[in-house]
């Protein structure tokens, strides 16, 4: 069974940066489309960024130009570099495996990590 473990969240001031990591175990990481989602209190879970096994990426409009998703297949790890953070980026960030690019969006896979909290203070 595939397992995802996120790390790298924390508290940062507006304008700062964080890098999230998600390590995948017990699966064939290199073939998975990987995604980062986030969920703020009282809001629906939303896509932040996703990357296919071939390296094609997709971003939510709210994070374009500020966040970068990448993957290291040798380390079974996907990263989310977050720059110029804003208070509205505050949320639990969740890693997802096995999704698919569908038209202009990304359908999440069935496997989720436990999430890591990102808090951006103003």
Protein backbone atom coordinates (compact mmCIF):
# COMPACT_ATOMS: atom_id res chain seq x y z
CA UNK A 1 0.00 0.00 0.00
CA UNK A 2 1.34 3.39 -1.02
CA UNK A 3 2.16 5.74 1.84
CA UNK A 4 2.83 9.47 1.68
CA UNK A 5 4.65 11.46 4.36
CA UNK A 6 4.72 15.25 4.15
CA UNK A 7 7.13 17.57 5.89
CA UNK A 8 8.30 21.17 5.78
CA UNK A 9 5.30 23.11 6.98
CA UNK A 10 5.48 25.80 9.63
CA UNK A 11 4.92 29.42 10.52
CA UNK A 12 6.33 32.11 8.26
CA UNK A 13 5.83 35.83 7.79
CA UNK A 14 4.19 37.20 4.68
CA UNK A 15 6.69 37.41 1.86
CA UNK A 16 8.67 34.48 3.18
CA UNK A 17 9.32 31.03 1.73
CA UNK A 18 8.83 27.39 2.66
CA UNK A 19 9.57 24.13 0.90
CA UNK A 20 7.27 21.17 1.43
CA UNK A 21 8.38 17.61 0.79
CA UNK A 22 6.35 14.45 0.27
CA UNK A 23 8.10 11.12 0.34
CA UNK A 24 6.37 8.14 -1.22
CA UNK A 25 6.91 4.62 -0.01
CA UNK A 26 5.63 1.22 -1.09
CA UNK A 27 4.80 2.25 -4.59
CA UNK A 28 6.25 2.90 -8.01
CA UNK A 29 6.72 6.62 -7.53
CA UNK A 30 8.09 7.29 -11.00
CA UNK A 31 4.79 6.47 -12.72
CA UNK A 32 2.53 8.54 -10.48
CA UNK A 33 1.09 11.92 -11.15
CA UNK A 34 1.69 13.75 -7.89
CA UNK A 35 -0.22 16.69 -6.53
CA UNK A 36 -0.33 19.18 -3.71
CA UNK A 37 -3.70 20.29 -2.41
CA UNK A 38 -4.65 22.57 0.44
CA UNK A 39 -7.58 23.03 2.73
CA UNK A 40 -8.22 26.08 4.84
CA UNK A 41 -10.72 26.10 7.73
CA UNK A 42 -14.26 26.28 6.42
CA UNK A 43 -13.18 25.93 2.81
CA UNK A 44 -13.13 23.11 0.29
CA UNK A 45 -9.96 21.28 -0.55
CA UNK A 46 -8.35 22.78 -3.64
CA UNK A 47 -5.58 21.91 -6.05
CA UNK A 48 -2.37 23.85 -5.59
CA UNK A 49 -0.07 22.17 -8.12
CA UNK A 50 0.47 18.84 -9.84
CA UNK A 51 3.19 17.15 -11.85
CA UNK A 52 3.02 14.14 -14.14
CA UNK A 53 5.55 11.35 -14.37
CA UNK A 54 6.94 13.14 -17.42
CA UNK A 55 7.34 16.45 -15.60
CA UNK A 56 4.36 18.34 -17.00
CA UNK A 57 3.05 20.74 -14.37
CA UNK A 58 -0.18 22.53 -13.63
CA UNK A 59 -0.84 25.25 -11.07
CA UNK A 60 -3.78 26.97 -9.51
CA UNK A 61 -4.09 30.56 -10.69
CA UNK A 62 -3.63 31.81 -7.12
CA UNK A 63 -0.11 30.40 -6.88
CA UNK A 64 1.24 30.78 -10.43
CA UNK A 65 4.58 32.55 -10.43
CA UNK A 66 5.06 32.00 -6.69
CA UNK A 67 5.01 28.23 -6.19
CA UNK A 68 7.01 25.55 -8.00
CA UNK A 69 6.33 21.83 -7.93
CA UNK A 70 9.14 19.41 -8.72
CA UNK A 71 9.99 15.76 -8.26
CA UNK A 72 13.05 13.63 -7.67
CA UNK A 73 12.31 10.10 -8.83
CA UNK A 74 15.55 8.80 -7.34
CA UNK A 75 14.36 9.91 -3.91
CA UNK A 76 10.66 9.07 -4.40
CA UNK A 77 9.91 12.63 -3.35
CA UNK A 78 7.83 15.50 -4.66
CA UNK A 79 8.48 19.07 -3.53
CA UNK A 80 6.53 22.30 -3.38
CA UNK A 81 8.67 25.43 -3.22
CA UNK A 82 6.51 28.29 -1.97
CA UNK A 83 7.80 31.85 -2.33
CA UNK A 84 6.21 35.24 -1.66
CA UNK A 85 3.79 33.63 0.75
CA UNK A 86 0.59 35.45 1.62
CA UNK A 87 -1.74 35.11 4.62
CA UNK A 88 -4.34 33.59 2.29
CA UNK A 89 -1.94 30.69 1.65
CA UNK A 90 -2.55 29.54 5.23
CA UNK A 91 -3.93 26.00 5.11
CA UNK A 92 -3.20 22.35 5.65
CA UNK A 93 -1.25 21.17 2.63
CA UNK A 94 -1.81 17.59 1.53
CA UNK A 95 0.18 15.43 -0.85
CA UNK A 96 -1.70 13.22 -3.31
CA UNK A 97 -0.61 10.33 -5.51
CA UNK A 98 -2.14 8.71 -8.55
CA UNK A 99 -4.10 11.61 -9.96
CA UNK A 100 -4.66 12.48 -13.62
CA UNK A 101 -4.68 15.59 -15.75
CA UNK A 102 -8.20 15.97 -17.09
CA UNK A 103 -8.81 18.77 -19.60
CA UNK A 104 -7.88 21.96 -17.72
CA UNK A 105 -7.87 20.49 -14.23
CA UNK A 106 -6.43 17.62 -12.22
CA UNK A 107 -8.42 14.74 -10.78
CA UNK A 108 -6.86 13.59 -7.50
CA UNK A 109 -5.79 10.03 -6.89
CA UNK A 110 -6.96 7.84 -4.02
CA UNK A 111 -3.88 8.16 -1.83
CA UNK A 112 -3.39 11.11 0.51
CA UNK A 113 -0.80 12.10 3.05
CA UNK A 114 -1.68 13.24 6.54
CA UNK A 115 -1.10 16.91 5.72
CA UNK A 116 1.25 19.58 6.98
CA UNK A 117 0.17 22.95 8.36
CA UNK A 118 1.37 26.14 6.71
CA UNK A 119 0.62 29.38 8.52
CA UNK A 120 1.50 32.75 7.03
CA UNK A 121 1.32 35.72 9.36
CA UNK A 122 0.69 39.25 8.16
